[in-house]
Each structure stands twice: as C-alpha cells, then as structure tokens.
C-alpha cells in the first residue's frame, strides 16, 4: 500500500471519528459515499444502505451514547480497506442497543472494517462491538 493512500484513508477515518465524537450527524455522513453500506453487526436494523438510512442509526446512537474518548489501538491497511481497532469511552445517556443506560459510564472495544471508495470516502462501514462488555456494564448494579 502506498503512503499517500494510507494517509488519505487515515484523514477520512479520523474525520469520521471526530464528527462522531462531536455528535455531528451531517459531518459523519459527509465522510461516506452516497451508496454507503453501514453494518453494525448485531444491530436489530441489520445492514443499512445509503446515507439517509445511516442517518437514522446515528440520530439514535447520539441520543443514547455520549462519547468522550476513542483511543486508537491499531490499524491495518489494504489497497482499498482499513481495519481499525479502538477503545470507546463515554456515558450511556439513553437506551443504547436496547439496554437502559441510566447515565452509567461505559467503555468497550470496537473493530471497524472500512471499505474505501476511489474518491477516499467510506464505501462500507462494518462495525463489531463488544456487546458482552456493554451488556455487563449496563446491567450491573450501580455502586452506592
């Protein structure tokens, strides 16, 4: 993989994550191709197709989770894809993934597989969340 393509991919993905951290739905969507496939594995919606379908997911996500920090762990690159492993930290303000958050602190690992379009935008976003960790943290009794 050439360095220019890797830098282009990094810039777009970092921009995507920054918009997510800012709860900026329009910003997030601007990083995606018009015909993006957005697939959060385990989500009740299944894979979504197109920016408008992805908008609904992000509207709900930002209402349910307040992200404070995403720590990159590692990235792997191919000619038209990136695999990104990160640690997400924040607060469950709503009902993320159908589980009442009750304002609990939350931290979980996530893995993104991004297929990149020739123009550098995200063509497919495949997200794997540590649902076991999310469930454990949100259903554990609160400390008094």
Protein backbone atom coordinates (compact mmCIF):
# COMPACT_ATOMS: atom_id res chain seq x y z
CA UNK A 1 0.00 0.00 0.00
CA UNK A 2 1.37 3.41 -0.84
CA UNK A 3 1.85 6.06 1.83
CA UNK A 4 -0.39 8.62 0.10
CA UNK A 5 -3.38 6.25 0.06
CA UNK A 6 -2.77 5.32 3.71
CA UNK A 7 -2.65 9.00 4.70
CA UNK A 8 -5.82 9.71 2.68
CA UNK A 9 -7.63 6.81 4.40
CA UNK A 10 -6.41 7.94 7.85
CA UNK A 11 -7.57 11.51 7.26
CA UNK A 12 -11.07 10.42 6.23
CA UNK A 13 -11.47 7.90 9.06
CA UNK A 14 -10.10 10.32 11.66
CA UNK A 15 -12.52 12.95 10.35
CA UNK A 16 -15.36 10.41 10.56
CA UNK A 17 -14.47 9.61 14.20
CA UNK A 18 -14.13 13.31 15.07
CA UNK A 19 -17.63 14.01 13.75
CA UNK A 20 -18.92 11.04 15.75
CA UNK A 21 -17.28 12.44 18.90
CA UNK A 22 -18.99 15.79 18.22
CA UNK A 23 -22.40 14.11 17.64
CA UNK A 24 -22.40 15.74 14.19
CA UNK A 25 -24.60 13.52 12.03
CA UNK A 26 -24.18 15.64 8.89
CA UNK A 27 -20.41 15.61 9.37
CA UNK A 28 -20.37 11.82 9.76
CA UNK A 29 -22.47 11.39 6.63
CA UNK A 30 -20.15 13.71 4.67
CA UNK A 31 -17.38 11.12 5.08
CA UNK A 32 -19.48 8.41 3.43
CA UNK A 33 -20.22 7.58 -0.17
CA UNK A 34 -23.83 8.24 -1.24
CA UNK A 35 -24.48 4.49 -1.53
CA UNK A 36 -22.65 3.54 1.68
CA UNK A 37 -23.38 0.23 3.35
CA UNK A 38 -23.49 0.73 7.13
CA UNK A 39 -23.44 -2.56 9.02
CA UNK A 40 -23.28 -2.74 12.81
CA UNK A 41 -23.07 -6.46 13.48
CA UNK A 42 -25.79 -7.48 15.94
CA UNK A 43 -27.90 -4.37 15.35
CA UNK A 44 -31.63 -5.01 15.05
CA UNK A 45 -31.70 -2.91 11.86
CA UNK A 46 -29.24 -5.15 10.03
CA UNK A 47 -27.11 -3.60 7.28
CA UNK A 48 -28.32 -0.18 6.16
CA UNK A 49 -27.89 1.15 2.62
CA UNK A 50 -27.36 4.79 1.74
CA UNK A 51 -26.69 7.92 3.75
CA UNK A 52 -30.33 8.51 4.69
CA UNK A 53 -30.63 5.06 6.25
CA UNK A 54 -27.37 5.60 8.14
CA UNK A 55 -28.70 8.95 9.40
CA UNK A 56 -31.38 7.19 11.45
CA UNK A 57 -28.78 4.97 13.09
CA UNK A 58 -26.59 7.95 14.04
CA UNK A 59 -29.54 10.00 15.31
CA UNK A 60 -30.42 7.16 17.70
CA UNK A 61 -26.80 6.45 18.63
CA UNK A 62 -26.06 10.06 19.57
CA UNK A 63 -29.25 10.20 21.65
CA UNK A 64 -28.20 7.05 23.55
CA UNK A 65 -24.44 7.47 23.99
CA UNK A 66 -22.31 10.44 24.89
CA UNK A 67 -18.79 9.69 23.71
CA UNK A 68 -15.88 11.28 25.47
CA UNK A 69 -12.86 9.46 24.18
CA UNK A 70 -11.85 7.00 21.48
CA UNK A 71 -8.38 5.57 21.88
CA UNK A 72 -6.87 4.02 18.76
CA UNK A 73 -5.26 0.64 19.37
CA UNK A 74 -4.07 -0.34 15.88
CA UNK A 75 -4.85 -0.11 12.17
CA UNK A 76 -4.24 -2.50 9.30
CA UNK A 77 -4.34 -1.40 5.67
CA UNK A 78 -5.11 -2.93 2.31
CA UNK A 79 -5.36 -1.38 -1.13
CA UNK A 80 -8.95 -0.22 -0.55
CA UNK A 81 -9.72 -1.03 3.08
CA UNK A 82 -8.73 -0.25 6.66
CA UNK A 83 -9.25 -2.33 9.79
CA UNK A 84 -9.36 -0.12 12.89
CA UNK A 85 -9.35 -1.34 16.49
CA UNK A 86 -10.26 1.23 19.15
CA UNK A 87 -11.41 1.62 22.73
CA UNK A 88 -14.57 3.75 23.21
CA UNK A 89 -15.29 5.54 26.50
CA UNK A 90 -18.28 7.63 27.48
CA UNK A 91 -21.69 7.62 29.13
CA UNK A 92 -24.86 5.70 28.32
CA UNK A 93 -27.36 8.56 28.44
CA UNK A 94 -30.28 6.78 26.77
CA UNK A 95 -31.03 3.19 25.84
CA UNK A 96 -28.04 2.06 23.77
CA UNK A 97 -28.64 -1.15 21.84
CA UNK A 98 -31.93 -1.62 23.72
CA UNK A 99 -30.36 -1.58 27.20
CA UNK A 100 -31.27 1.21 29.64
CA UNK A 101 -28.12 3.24 30.22
CA UNK A 102 -29.17 5.17 33.33
CA UNK A 103 -26.24 7.54 32.86
CA UNK A 104 -23.69 4.80 33.55
CA UNK A 105 -20.08 5.11 32.47
CA UNK A 106 -19.23 2.75 29.64
CA UNK A 107 -16.05 1.51 28.00
CA UNK A 108 -15.79 -1.10 25.24
CA UNK A 109 -13.63 -2.27 22.40
CA UNK A 110 -14.78 -1.91 18.84
CA UNK A 111 -13.49 -3.02 15.50
CA UNK A 112 -14.26 -1.19 12.26
CA UNK A 113 -13.70 -2.59 8.80
CA UNK A 114 -13.84 0.27 6.31
CA UNK A 115 -14.06 -0.30 2.56
CA UNK A 116 -12.90 2.89 0.88
CA UNK A 117 -14.23 4.30 -2.39
CA UNK A 118 -11.82 5.56 -5.07
CA UNK A 119 -12.58 9.17 -4.02
CA UNK A 120 -11.41 8.37 -0.47
CA UNK A 121 -14.87 8.29 1.13
CA UNK A 122 -16.18 5.37 3.16
CA UNK A 123 -17.97 2.91 0.89
CA UNK A 124 -18.77 0.38 3.63
CA UNK A 125 -18.54 0.62 7.39
CA UNK A 126 -18.70 -2.72 9.18
CA UNK A 127 -18.67 -2.33 12.98
CA UNK A 128 -18.09 -5.05 15.58
CA UNK A 129 -18.84 -4.03 19.17
CA UNK A 130 -18.05 -5.90 22.37
CA UNK A 131 -21.73 -6.40 23.21
CA UNK A 132 -20.90 -8.74 26.11
CA UNK A 133 -18.93 -5.97 27.82
CA UNK A 134 -21.62 -3.37 27.06
CA UNK A 135 -24.36 -5.61 28.49
CA UNK A 136 -22.33 -6.46 31.58
CA UNK A 137 -21.58 -2.82 32.34
CA UNK A 138 -25.12 -1.56 31.75
CA UNK A 139 -26.87 -4.32 33.70
CA UNK A 140 -24.51 -4.41 36.68
CA UNK A 141 -25.88 -2.87 39.87
CA UNK A 142 -24.74 0.73 40.35
CA UNK A 143 -22.24 1.38 43.11
CA UNK A 144 -23.79 3.22 46.04
